[in-house]
PDB file of N, CA and C in Angstrom:
ATOM      1  N   UNK A   1    -339.120-131.139 -50.328  1.00  0.00           N
ATOM      2  CA  UNK A   1    -338.985-132.146 -49.445  1.00  0.00           C
ATOM      3  C   UNK A   1    -340.515-132.564 -49.164  1.00  0.00           C
ATOM      4  N   UNK A   2    -340.806-133.907 -49.145  1.00  0.00           N
ATOM      5  CA  UNK A   2    -342.394-134.274 -48.990  1.00  0.00           C
ATOM      6  C   UNK A   2    -342.619-133.953 -47.552  1.00  0.00           C
ATOM      7  N   UNK A   3    -343.937-133.947 -47.437  1.00  0.00           N
ATOM      8  CA  UNK A   3    -344.663-133.797 -46.058  1.00  0.00           C
ATOM      9  C   UNK A   3    -344.524-135.179 -45.419  1.00  0.00           C
ATOM     10  N   UNK A   4    -344.305-135.329 -44.147  1.00  0.00           N
ATOM     11  CA  UNK A   4    -344.349-136.412 -43.328  1.00  0.00           C
ATOM     12  C   UNK A   4    -345.592-136.461 -42.691  1.00  0.00           C
ATOM     13  N   UNK A   5    -346.258-137.660 -42.815  1.00  0.00           N
ATOM     14  CA  UNK A   5    -347.617-137.917 -42.293  1.00  0.00           C
ATOM     15  C   UNK A   5    -347.443-138.393 -41.031  1.00  0.00           C
ATOM     16  N   UNK A   6    -348.530-138.801 -40.373  1.00  0.00           N
ATOM     17  CA  UNK A   6    -348.517-139.515 -39.004  1.00  0.00           C
ATOM     18  C   UNK A   6    -347.834-140.910 -39.031  1.00  0.00           C
ATOM     19  N   UNK A   7    -347.964-141.580 -40.136  1.00  0.00           N
ATOM     20  CA  UNK A   7    -347.284-142.983 -40.094  1.00  0.00           C
ATOM     21  C   UNK A   7    -345.850-142.809 -40.311  1.00  0.00           C
ATOM     22  N   UNK A   8    -345.303-141.796 -40.889  1.00  0.00           N
ATOM     23  CA  UNK A   8    -343.931-141.684 -41.230  1.00  0.00           C
ATOM     24  C   UNK A   8    -343.367-141.267 -39.824  1.00  0.00           C
ATOM     25  N   UNK A   9    -344.041-140.392 -38.907  1.00  0.00           N
ATOM     26  CA  UNK A   9    -343.563-139.994 -37.719  1.00  0.00           C
ATOM     27  C   UNK A   9    -343.426-141.058 -36.666  1.00  0.00           C
ATOM     28  N   UNK A  10    -344.550-141.965 -36.712  1.00  0.00           N
ATOM     29  CA  UNK A  10    -344.574-143.225 -35.985  1.00  0.00           C
ATOM     30  C   UNK A  10    -343.428-144.095 -36.281  1.00  0.00           C
ATOM     31  N   UNK A  11    -343.026-144.217 -37.501  1.00  0.00           N
ATOM     32  CA  UNK A  11    -341.916-145.206 -37.913  1.00  0.00           C
ATOM     33  C   UNK A  11    -340.522-144.467 -37.506  1.00  0.00           C
ATOM     34  N   UNK A  12    -340.476-143.179 -37.719  1.00  0.00           N
ATOM     35  CA  UNK A  12    -339.205-142.554 -37.224  1.00  0.00           C
ATOM     36  C   UNK A  12    -339.028-142.664 -35.798  1.00  0.00           C
ATOM     37  N   UNK A  13    -340.052-142.473 -34.918  1.00  0.00           N
ATOM     38  CA  UNK A  13    -339.906-142.642 -33.498  1.00  0.00           C
ATOM     39  C   UNK A  13    -339.554-144.084 -33.199  1.00  0.00           C
ATOM     40  N   UNK A  14    -340.226-145.213 -33.736  1.00  0.00           N
ATOM     41  CA  UNK A  14    -339.817-146.393 -33.664  1.00  0.00           C
ATOM     42  C   UNK A  14    -338.418-146.777 -33.875  1.00  0.00           C
ATOM     43  N   UNK A  15    -338.004-146.285 -34.841  1.00  0.00           N
ATOM     44  CA  UNK A  15    -336.533-146.381 -35.264  1.00  0.00           C
ATOM     45  C   UNK A  15    -335.576-145.686 -34.185  1.00  0.00           C
ATOM     46  N   UNK A  16    -336.040-144.749 -33.737  1.00  0.00           N
ATOM     47  CA  UNK A  16    -335.122-144.013 -32.754  1.00  0.00           C
ATOM     48  C   UNK A  16    -335.192-144.713 -31.420  1.00  0.00           C
ATOM     49  N   UNK A  17    -336.459-145.280 -31.147  1.00  0.00           N
ATOM     50  CA  UNK A  17    -336.337-146.026 -29.637  1.00  0.00           C
ATOM     51  C   UNK A  17    -335.543-147.258 -29.864  1.00  0.00           C
ATOM     52  N   UNK A  18    -335.641-147.858 -31.059  1.00  0.00           N
ATOM     53  CA  UNK A  18    -334.741-149.126 -31.235  1.00  0.00           C
ATOM     54  C   UNK A  18    -333.288-148.907 -31.130  1.00  0.00           C
ATOM     55  N   UNK A  19    -332.933-147.652 -31.971  1.00  0.00           N
ATOM     56  CA  UNK A  19    -331.467-147.300 -32.000  1.00  0.00           C
ATOM     57  C   UNK A  19    -330.926-146.874 -30.544  1.00  0.00           C
ATOM     58  N   UNK A  20    -331.621-146.098 -29.837  1.00  0.00           N
ATOM     59  CA  UNK A  20    -330.996-145.519 -28.629  1.00  0.00           C
ATOM     60  C   UNK A  20    -331.479-146.111 -27.328  1.00  0.00           C
ATOM     61  N   UNK A  21    -332.735-146.876 -27.532  1.00  0.00           N
ATOM     62  CA  UNK A  21    -333.297-147.491 -26.336  1.00  0.00           C
ATOM     63  C   UNK A  21    -334.134-146.551 -25.724  1.00  0.00           C
ATOM     64  N   UNK A  22    -335.150-146.961 -24.874  1.00  0.00           N
ATOM     65  CA  UNK A  22    -336.044-146.075 -24.333  1.00  0.00           C
ATOM     66  C   UNK A  22    -335.481-145.269 -23.078  1.00  0.00           C
ATOM     67  N   UNK A  23    -334.557-145.813 -22.414  1.00  0.00           N
ATOM     68  CA  UNK A  23    -334.064-144.886 -21.284  1.00  0.00           C
ATOM     69  C   UNK A  23    -332.910-143.810 -21.599  1.00  0.00           C
ATOM     70  N   UNK A  24    -332.381-144.087 -22.791  1.00  0.00           N
ATOM     71  CA  UNK A  24    -331.394-143.190 -23.376  1.00  0.00           C
ATOM     72  C   UNK A  24    -332.003-142.012 -24.168  1.00  0.00           C
ATOM     73  N   UNK A  25    -333.204-142.292 -24.588  1.00  0.00           N
ATOM     74  CA  UNK A  25    -333.922-141.319 -25.515  1.00  0.00           C
ATOM     75  C   UNK A  25    -334.335-139.971 -24.881  1.00  0.00           C
ATOM     76  N   UNK A  26    -334.837-139.834 -23.626  1.00  0.00           N
ATOM     77  CA  UNK A  26    -334.937-138.650 -22.937  1.00  0.00           C
ATOM     78  C   UNK A  26    -333.637-137.857 -22.836  1.00  0.00           C
ATOM     79  N   UNK A  27    -332.642-138.572 -22.473  1.00  0.00           N
ATOM     80  CA  UNK A  27    -331.317-138.062 -22.146  1.00  0.00           C
ATOM     81  C   UNK A  27    -330.938-137.364 -23.461  1.00  0.00           C
ATOM     82  N   UNK A  28    -330.884-138.090 -24.602  1.00  0.00           N
ATOM     83  CA  UNK A  28    -330.497-137.487 -25.749  1.00  0.00           C
ATOM     84  C   UNK A  28    -331.207-136.326 -26.201  1.00  0.00           C
ATOM     85  N   UNK A  29    -332.619-136.419 -25.854  1.00  0.00           N
ATOM     86  CA  UNK A  29    -333.464-135.197 -26.429  1.00  0.00           C
ATOM     87  C   UNK A  29    -333.161-134.060 -25.562  1.00  0.00           C
ATOM     88  N   UNK A  30    -332.834-134.280 -24.147  1.00  0.00           N
ATOM     89  CA  UNK A  30    -332.343-133.157 -23.400  1.00  0.00           C
ATOM     90  C   UNK A  30    -331.057-132.669 -23.832  1.00  0.00           C
ATOM     91  N   UNK A  31    -330.016-133.518 -24.280  1.00  0.00           N
ATOM     92  CA  UNK A  31    -328.696-132.946 -24.776  1.00  0.00           C
ATOM     93  C   UNK A  31    -328.959-132.201 -25.913  1.00  0.00           C
ATOM     94  N   UNK A  32    -329.828-132.640 -26.952  1.00  0.00           N
ATOM     95  CA  UNK A  32    -330.085-131.969 -28.044  1.00  0.00           C
ATOM     96  C   UNK A  32    -330.683-130.466 -27.921  1.00  0.00           C
ATOM     97  N   UNK A  33    -331.632-130.499 -26.887  1.00  0.00           N
ATOM     98  CA  UNK A  33    -332.142-129.237 -26.466  1.00  0.00           C
ATOM     99  C   UNK A  33    -331.091-128.153 -26.005  1.00  0.00           C
ATOM    100  N   UNK A  34    -330.355-128.700 -24.935  1.00  0.00           N
ATOM    101  CA  UNK A  34    -329.264-127.699 -24.605  1.00  0.00           C
ATOM    102  C   UNK A  34    -328.363-127.292 -25.582  1.00  0.00           C
ATOM    103  N   UNK A  35    -328.075-128.282 -26.483  1.00  0.00           N
ATOM    104  CA  UNK A  35    -327.137-127.779 -27.700  1.00  0.00           C
ATOM    105  C   UNK A  35    -327.779-126.728 -28.496  1.00  0.00           C
ATOM    106  N   UNK A  36    -329.007-126.899 -28.787  1.00  0.00           N
ATOM    107  CA  UNK A  36    -329.790-125.794 -29.684  1.00  0.00           C
ATOM    108  C   UNK A  36    -329.875-124.653 -28.949  1.00  0.00           C
ATOM    109  N   UNK A  37    -330.066-124.525 -27.386  1.00  0.00           N
ATOM    110  CA  UNK A  37    -330.110-123.242 -26.668  1.00  0.00           C
ATOM    111  C   UNK A  37    -328.590-122.703 -26.889  1.00  0.00           C
ATOM    112  N   UNK A  38    -327.728-123.487 -26.521  1.00  0.00           N
ATOM    113  CA  UNK A  38    -326.257-122.831 -26.646  1.00  0.00           C
ATOM    114  C   UNK A  38    -326.104-122.089 -28.083  1.00  0.00           C
ATOM    115  N   UNK A  39    -326.412-122.979 -29.098  1.00  0.00           N
ATOM    116  CA  UNK A  39    -326.166-122.515 -30.296  1.00  0.00           C
ATOM    117  C   UNK A  39    -326.836-121.145 -30.678  1.00  0.00           C
ATOM    118  N   UNK A  40    -328.242-121.211 -30.398  1.00  0.00           N
ATOM    119  CA  UNK A  40    -328.993-119.944 -30.312  1.00  0.00           C
ATOM    120  C   UNK A  40    -328.236-118.735 -29.751  1.00  0.00           C
ATOM    121  N   UNK A  41    -327.800-119.026 -28.435  1.00  0.00           N
ATOM    122  CA  UNK A  41    -327.175-118.140 -27.551  1.00  0.00           C
ATOM    123  C   UNK A  41    -325.894-117.431 -28.399  1.00  0.00           C
ATOM    124  N   UNK A  42    -325.155-118.300 -28.753  1.00  0.00           N
ATOM    125  CA  UNK A  42    -323.881-117.998 -29.409  1.00  0.00           C
ATOM    126  C   UNK A  42    -324.138-117.198 -30.690  1.00  0.00           C
ATOM    127  N   UNK A  43    -325.168-117.683 -31.543  1.00  0.00           N
ATOM    128  CA  UNK A  43    -325.310-116.900 -32.866  1.00  0.00           C
ATOM    129  C   UNK A  43    -325.792-115.525 -32.448  1.00  0.00           C
ATOM    130  N   UNK A  44    -326.693-115.204 -31.380  1.00  0.00           N
ATOM    131  CA  UNK A  44    -327.307-114.002 -30.968  1.00  0.00           C
ATOM    132  C   UNK A  44    -325.955-113.069 -30.395  1.00  0.00           C
ATOM    133  N   UNK A  45    -324.952-113.657 -29.810  1.00  0.00           N
ATOM    134  CA  UNK A  45    -323.860-112.962 -29.494  1.00  0.00           C
ATOM    135  C   UNK A  45    -323.041-112.560 -30.490  1.00  0.00           C
ATOM    136  N   UNK A  46    -323.074-113.342 -31.540  1.00  0.00           N
ATOM    137  CA  UNK A  46    -322.154-113.034 -32.879  1.00  0.00           C
ATOM    138  C   UNK A  46    -322.861-111.773 -33.510  1.00  0.00           C
ATOM    139  N   UNK A  47    -324.243-111.888 -33.634  1.00  0.00           N
ATOM    140  CA  UNK A  47    -324.770-110.695 -34.276  1.00  0.00           C
ATOM    141  C   UNK A  47    -324.719-109.542 -33.563  1.00  0.00           C
ATOM    142  N   UNK A  48    -324.775-109.552 -32.419  1.00  0.00           N
ATOM    143  CA  UNK A  48    -324.519-108.395 -31.420  1.00  0.00           C
ATOM    144  C   UNK A  48    -323.298-107.863 -31.507  1.00  0.00           C
ATOM    145  N   UNK A  49    -322.261-108.727 -31.656  1.00  0.00           N
ATOM    146  CA  UNK A  49    -320.871-108.103 -31.955  1.00  0.00           C
ATOM    147  C   UNK A  49    -320.849-107.488 -33.140  1.00  0.00           C
ATOM    148  N   UNK A  50    -321.431-108.064 -34.108  1.00  0.00           N
ATOM    149  CA  UNK A  50    -321.187-107.673 -35.599  1.00  0.00           C
ATOM    150  C   UNK A  50    -321.883-106.096 -35.611  1.00  0.00           C
ATOM    151  N   UNK A  51    -323.129-106.150 -34.856  1.00  0.00           N
ATOM    152  CA  UNK A  51    -323.666-104.819 -34.746  1.00  0.00           C
ATOM    153  C   UNK A  51    -322.857-103.656 -34.040  1.00  0.00           C
ATOM    154  N   UNK A  52    -322.162-104.104 -32.946  1.00  0.00           N
ATOM    155  CA  UNK A  52    -321.229-103.271 -32.164  1.00  0.00           C
ATOM    156  C   UNK A  52    -320.196-102.902 -33.078  1.00  0.00           C
ATOM    157  N   UNK A  53    -319.643-103.649 -33.787  1.00  0.00           N
ATOM    158  CA  UNK A  53    -318.535-103.369 -34.558  1.00  0.00           C
ATOM    159  C   UNK A  53    -318.927-102.458 -35.706  1.00  0.00           C
ATOM    160  N   UNK A  54    -320.070-102.519 -36.304  1.00  0.00           N
ATOM    161  CA  UNK A  54    -320.542-101.581 -37.328  1.00  0.00           C
ATOM    162  C   UNK A  54    -320.911-100.220 -36.646  1.00  0.00           C
ATOM    163  N   UNK A  55    -321.382-100.151 -35.513  1.00  0.00           N
ATOM    164  CA  UNK A  55    -321.700 -98.902 -35.032  1.00  0.00           C
ATOM    165  C   UNK A  55    -320.356 -98.199 -34.610  1.00  0.00           C
ATOM    166  N   UNK A  56    -319.224 -98.906 -34.100  1.00  0.00           N
ATOM    167  CA  UNK A  56    -317.972 -98.391 -33.792  1.00  0.00           C
ATOM    168  C   UNK A  56    -317.243 -97.839 -35.110  1.00  0.00           C
ATOM    169  N   UNK A  57    -317.520 -98.630 -36.135  1.00  0.00           N
ATOM    170  CA  UNK A  57    -316.683 -98.315 -37.316  1.00  0.00           C
ATOM    171  C   UNK A  57    -317.488 -97.041 -37.780  1.00  0.00           C
ATOM    172  N   UNK A  58    -318.700 -96.938 -37.816  1.00  0.00           N
ATOM    173  CA  UNK A  58    -319.580 -95.953 -38.358  1.00  0.00           C
ATOM    174  C   UNK A  58    -319.060 -94.463 -37.494  1.00  0.00           C
ATOM    175  N   UNK A  59    -319.047 -94.787 -36.044  1.00  0.00           N
ATOM    176  CA  UNK A  59    -318.645 -93.709 -35.356  1.00  0.00           C
ATOM    177  C   UNK A  59    -317.166 -93.147 -35.605  1.00  0.00           C
ATOM    178  N   UNK A  60    -316.247 -94.082 -36.046  1.00  0.00           N
ATOM    179  CA  UNK A  60    -314.892 -93.793 -36.319  1.00  0.00           C
ATOM    180  C   UNK A  60    -314.666 -93.230 -37.515  1.00  0.00           C
ATOM    181  N   UNK A  61    -315.429 -93.367 -38.447  1.00  0.00           N
ATOM    182  CA  UNK A  61    -315.338 -92.630 -39.753  1.00  0.00           C
ATOM    183  C   UNK A  61    -315.274 -91.308 -39.733  1.00  0.00           C
ATOM    184  N   UNK A  62    -316.420 -90.622 -39.215  1.00  0.00           N
ATOM    185  CA  UNK A  62    -316.307 -89.133 -39.276  1.00  0.00           C
ATOM    186  C   UNK A  62    -315.029 -88.546 -38.683  1.00  0.00           C
ATOM    187  N   UNK A  63    -314.411 -89.347 -37.621  1.00  0.00           N
ATOM    188  CA  UNK A  63    -313.173 -88.771 -37.035  1.00  0.00           C
ATOM    189  C   UNK A  63    -312.049 -88.938 -38.060  1.00  0.00           C
ATOM    190  N   UNK A  64    -311.985 -89.924 -38.789  1.00  0.00           N
ATOM    191  CA  UNK A  64    -310.949 -90.287 -39.814  1.00  0.00           C
ATOM    192  C   UNK A  64    -310.887 -89.409 -40.946  1.00  0.00           C
ATOM    193  N   UNK A  65    -312.118 -88.804 -41.395  1.00  0.00           N
ATOM    194  CA  UNK A  65    -312.316 -87.953 -42.494  1.00  0.00           C
ATOM    195  C   UNK A  65    -311.481 -86.596 -42.521  1.00  0.00           C
ATOM    196  N   UNK A  66    -311.394 -85.772 -41.320  1.00  0.00           N
ATOM    197  CA  UNK A  66    -310.593 -84.587 -41.276  1.00  0.00           C
ATOM    198  C   UNK A  66    -309.178 -84.917 -41.442  1.00  0.00           C
ATOM    199  N   UNK A  67    -308.661 -86.164 -41.050  1.00  0.00           N
ATOM    200  CA  UNK A  67    -307.123 -86.552 -41.227  1.00  0.00           C
ATOM    201  C   UNK A  67    -306.951 -86.693 -42.706  1.00  0.00           C
ATOM    202  N   UNK A  68    -307.954 -87.132 -43.596  1.00  0.00           N
ATOM    203  CA  UNK A  68    -307.632 -87.151 -45.009  1.00  0.00           C
ATOM    204  C   UNK A  68    -307.633 -85.789 -45.759  1.00  0.00           C
ATOM    205  N   UNK A  69    -308.202 -84.760 -45.057  1.00  0.00           N
ATOM    206  CA  UNK A  69    -308.115 -83.460 -45.752  1.00  0.00           C
ATOM    207  C   UNK A  69    -306.607 -82.688 -45.461  1.00  0.00           C
ATOM    208  N   UNK A  70    -305.968 -83.275 -44.589  1.00  0.00           N
ATOM    209  CA  UNK A  70    -304.678 -82.688 -44.276  1.00  0.00           C
ATOM    210  C   UNK A  70    -303.863 -83.141 -45.379  1.00  0.00           C
ATOM    211  N   UNK A  71    -302.892 -82.024 -46.032  1.00  0.00           N
ATOM    212  CA  UNK A  71    -301.936 -82.216 -47.105  1.00  0.00           C
ATOM    213  C   UNK A  71    -301.013 -83.078 -46.631  1.00  0.00           C
ATOM    214  N   UNK A  72    -300.729 -84.022 -47.725  1.00  0.00           N
ATOM    215  CA  UNK A  72    -299.475 -85.001 -47.365  1.00  0.00           C
ATOM    216  C   UNK A  72    -298.204 -84.143 -47.087  1.00  0.00           C
ATOM    217  N   UNK A  73    -297.487 -84.902 -46.145  1.00  0.00           N
ATOM    218  CA  UNK A  73    -296.251 -84.471 -45.636  1.00  0.00           C
ATOM    219  C   UNK A  73    -295.012 -84.276 -46.643  1.00  0.00           C
ATOM    220  N   UNK A  74    -295.159 -85.504 -47.705  1.00  0.00           N
ATOM    221  CA  UNK A  74    -294.174 -85.461 -48.764  1.00  0.00           C
ATOM    222  C   UNK A  74    -294.374 -84.346 -49.670  1.00  0.00           C
ATOM    223  N   UNK A  75    -293.452 -83.731 -50.256  1.00  0.00           N
ATOM    224  CA  UNK A  75    -293.407 -82.795 -51.384  1.00  0.00           C
ATOM    225  C   UNK A  75    -294.084 -83.292 -52.569  1.00  0.00           C
ATOM    226  N   UNK A  76    -294.635 -82.479 -53.413  1.00  0.00           N
ATOM    227  CA  UNK A  76    -295.291 -83.015 -54.658  1.00  0.00           C
ATOM    228  C   UNK A  76    -294.249 -83.424 -55.601  1.00  0.00           C
ATOM    229  N   UNK A  77    -294.579 -83.714 -56.749  1.00  0.00           N
ATOM    230  CA  UNK A  77    -293.684 -84.284 -57.791  1.00  0.00           C
ATOM    231  C   UNK A  77    -292.851 -83.063 -58.328  1.00  0.00           C
ATOM    232  N   UNK A  78    -293.660 -82.024 -58.749  1.00  0.00           N
ATOM    233  CA  UNK A  78    -292.978 -80.792 -58.966  1.00  0.00           C
ATOM    234  C   UNK A  78    -291.884 -80.228 -58.154  1.00  0.00           C
ATOM    235  N   UNK A  79    -292.261 -80.344 -56.983  1.00  0.00           N
ATOM    236  CA  UNK A  79    -291.283 -79.813 -55.956  1.00  0.00           C
ATOM    237  C   UNK A  79    -290.100 -80.651 -55.842  1.00  0.00           C
ATOM    238  N   UNK A  80    -290.232 -81.953 -55.912  1.00  0.00           N
ATOM    239  CA  UNK A  80    -288.972 -82.871 -55.933  1.00  0.00           C
ATOM    240  C   UNK A  80    -288.312 -82.749 -57.151  1.00  0.00           C
ATOM    241  N   UNK A  81    -288.898 -82.540 -58.355  1.00  0.00           N
ATOM    242  CA  UNK A  81    -288.191 -82.498 -59.588  1.00  0.00           C
ATOM    243  C   UNK A  81    -287.352 -81.102 -59.630  1.00  0.00           C
ATOM    244  N   UNK A  82    -287.879 -80.066 -58.988  1.00  0.00           N
ATOM    245  CA  UNK A  82    -287.229 -78.840 -58.958  1.00  0.00           C
ATOM    246  C   UNK A  82    -286.172 -79.044 -58.005  1.00  0.00           C
ATOM    247  N   UNK A  83    -286.101 -79.815 -56.877  1.00  0.00           N
ATOM    248  CA  UNK A  83    -285.016 -79.961 -55.974  1.00  0.00           C
ATOM    249  C   UNK A  83    -283.869 -80.834 -56.634  1.00  0.00           C
ATOM    250  N   UNK A  84    -284.332 -81.740 -57.298  1.00  0.00           N
ATOM    251  CA  UNK A  84    -283.439 -82.515 -57.955  1.00  0.00           C
ATOM    252  C   UNK A  84    -282.644 -81.627 -59.079  1.00  0.00           C
ATOM    253  N   UNK A  85    -283.529 -81.076 -59.903  1.00  0.00           N
ATOM    254  CA  UNK A  85    -282.541 -80.236 -60.895  1.00  0.00           C
ATOM    255  C   UNK A  85    -281.637 -79.157 -60.182  1.00  0.00           C
ATOM    256  N   UNK A  86    -282.028 -78.613 -59.135  1.00  0.00           N
ATOM    257  CA  UNK A  86    -281.208 -77.615 -58.219  1.00  0.00           C
ATOM    258  C   UNK A  86    -279.866 -78.497 -58.110  1.00  0.00           C
ATOM    259  N   UNK A  87    -280.194 -79.682 -57.391  1.00  0.00           N
ATOM    260  CA  UNK A  87    -278.992 -80.533 -56.779  1.00  0.00           C
ATOM    261  C   UNK A  87    -278.130 -80.686 -58.125  1.00  0.00           C
ATOM    262  N   UNK A  88    -278.753 -81.146 -59.237  1.00  0.00           N
ATOM    263  CA  UNK A  88    -277.868 -81.423 -60.157  1.00  0.00           C
ATOM    264  C   UNK A  88    -277.124 -80.428 -60.840  1.00  0.00           C
ATOM    265  N   UNK A  89    -277.558 -79.206 -60.782  1.00  0.00           N
ATOM    266  CA  UNK A  89    -276.966 -77.953 -61.264  1.00  0.00           C
ATOM    267  C   UNK A  89    -275.738 -77.570 -60.404  1.00  0.00           C
ATOM    268  N   UNK A  90    -276.068 -77.698 -59.050  1.00  0.00           N
ATOM    269  CA  UNK A  90    -274.988 -77.377 -58.054  1.00  0.00           C
ATOM    270  C   UNK A  90    -273.828 -78.402 -58.297  1.00  0.00           C
ATOM    271  N   UNK A  91    -274.199 -79.603 -58.375  1.00  0.00           N
ATOM    272  CA  UNK A  91    -272.942 -80.738 -58.618  1.00  0.00           C
ATOM    273  C   UNK A  91    -272.250 -80.389 -59.861  1.00  0.00           C
ATOM    274  N   UNK A  92    -272.929 -80.149 -60.916  1.00  0.00           N
ATOM    275  CA  UNK A  92    -272.232 -79.654 -62.202  1.00  0.00           C
ATOM    276  C   UNK A  92    -271.368 -78.522 -61.979  1.00  0.00           C
ATOM    277  N   UNK A  93    -271.645 -77.470 -61.329  1.00  0.00           N
ATOM    278  CA  UNK A  93    -271.085 -76.341 -61.083  1.00  0.00           C
ATOM    279  C   UNK A  93    -269.860 -76.677 -60.146  1.00  0.00           C
ATOM    280  N   UNK A  94    -269.988 -77.699 -59.114  1.00  0.00           N
ATOM    281  CA  UNK A  94    -268.971 -77.924 -58.399  1.00  0.00           C
ATOM    282  C   UNK A  94    -267.957 -78.922 -59.053  1.00  0.00           C
ATOM    283  N   UNK A  95    -268.290 -79.490 -60.061  1.00  0.00           N
ATOM    284  CA  UNK A  95    -267.376 -80.358 -60.998  1.00  0.00           C
ATOM    285  C   UNK A  95    -266.738 -79.669 -61.894  1.00  0.00           C
ATOM    286  N   UNK A  96    -267.087 -78.614 -62.373  1.00  0.00           N
ATOM    287  CA  UNK A  96    -266.376 -77.794 -63.336  1.00  0.00           C
ATOM    288  C   UNK A  96    -265.168 -77.206 -62.830  1.00  0.00           C
ATOM    289  N   UNK A  97    -265.035 -76.550 -61.659  1.00  0.00           N
ATOM    290  CA  UNK A  97    -263.825 -76.155 -61.176  1.00  0.00           C
ATOM    291  C   UNK A  97    -262.845 -77.193 -61.063  1.00  0.00           C
ATOM    292  N   UNK A  98    -263.094 -78.272 -60.585  1.00  0.00           N
ATOM    293  CA  UNK A  98    -262.254 -79.506 -60.445  1.00  0.00           C
ATOM    294  C   UNK A  98    -261.734 -79.810 -61.782  1.00  0.00           C
ATOM    295  N   UNK A  99    -262.550 -79.912 -62.801  1.00  0.00           N
ATOM    296  CA  UNK A  99    -262.179 -80.278 -64.068  1.00  0.00           C
ATOM    297  C   UNK A  99    -261.229 -79.343 -64.772  1.00  0.00           C
ATOM    298  N   UNK A 100    -261.475 -78.106 -64.623  1.00  0.00           N
ATOM    299  CA  UNK A 100    -260.652 -77.039 -65.103  1.00  0.00           C
ATOM    300  C   UNK A 100    -259.163 -77.143 -64.330  1.00  0.00           C
ATOM    301  N   UNK A 101    -259.329 -77.349 -62.988  1.00  0.00           N
ATOM    302  CA  UNK A 101    -258.062 -77.593 -62.263  1.00  0.00           C
ATOM    303  C   UNK A 101    -257.138 -78.690 -62.877  1.00  0.00           C
ATOM    304  N   UNK A 102    -257.755 -79.707 -63.146  1.00  0.00           N
ATOM    305  CA  UNK A 102    -257.054 -81.032 -63.584  1.00  0.00           C
ATOM    306  C   UNK A 102    -256.516 -80.800 -64.933  1.00  0.00           C
ATOM    307  N   UNK A 103    -257.167 -79.990 -65.831  1.00  0.00           N
ATOM    308  CA  UNK A 103    -256.624 -79.658 -67.034  1.00  0.00           C
ATOM    309  C   UNK A 103    -255.407 -78.765 -66.947  1.00  0.00           C
ATOM    310  N   UNK A 104    -255.428 -77.843 -65.831  1.00  0.00           N
ATOM    311  CA  UNK A 104    -254.266 -76.988 -65.874  1.00  0.00           C
ATOM    312  C   UNK A 104    -253.023 -77.639 -65.237  1.00  0.00           C
ATOM    313  N   UNK A 105    -253.534 -78.556 -64.329  1.00  0.00           N
ATOM    314  CA  UNK A 105    -252.278 -79.530 -63.790  1.00  0.00           C
ATOM    315  C   UNK A 105    -251.513 -80.185 -64.997  1.00  0.00           C
ATOM    316  N   UNK A 106    -252.337 -80.756 -65.895  1.00  0.00           N
ATOM    317  CA  UNK A 106    -251.809 -81.553 -66.808  1.00  0.00           C
ATOM    318  C   UNK A 106    -251.051 -80.811 -67.737  1.00  0.00           C
ATOM    319  N   UNK A 107    -251.217 -79.516 -68.010  1.00  0.00           N
ATOM    320  CA  UNK A 107    -250.505 -78.828 -68.935  1.00  0.00           C
ATOM    321  C   UNK A 107    -249.116 -78.273 -68.326  1.00  0.00           C
TER     322      UNK A 107
END
């Protein structure tokens, strides 16, 4: 971006006076200043809120770590497999007497 010399600034001010008028220019500058102050205030609030969230998150992390050390409530794969095999064996055993009774009735 090129540097603006004194002539360029005078030309910019002249154009602003012609566009807005001499009476509205101070009001416009005042409104612009207020807008900038509000913008700075809101951005500082946002950064403070972000910092608060990070500290809360950092404080909450050590509390969450012991919960991760608790073993899961669900049984392991081996335990589930063992339980399914046991249930399968019981079902087969319960089906065998019924099958043998059906064979005896048909004879």
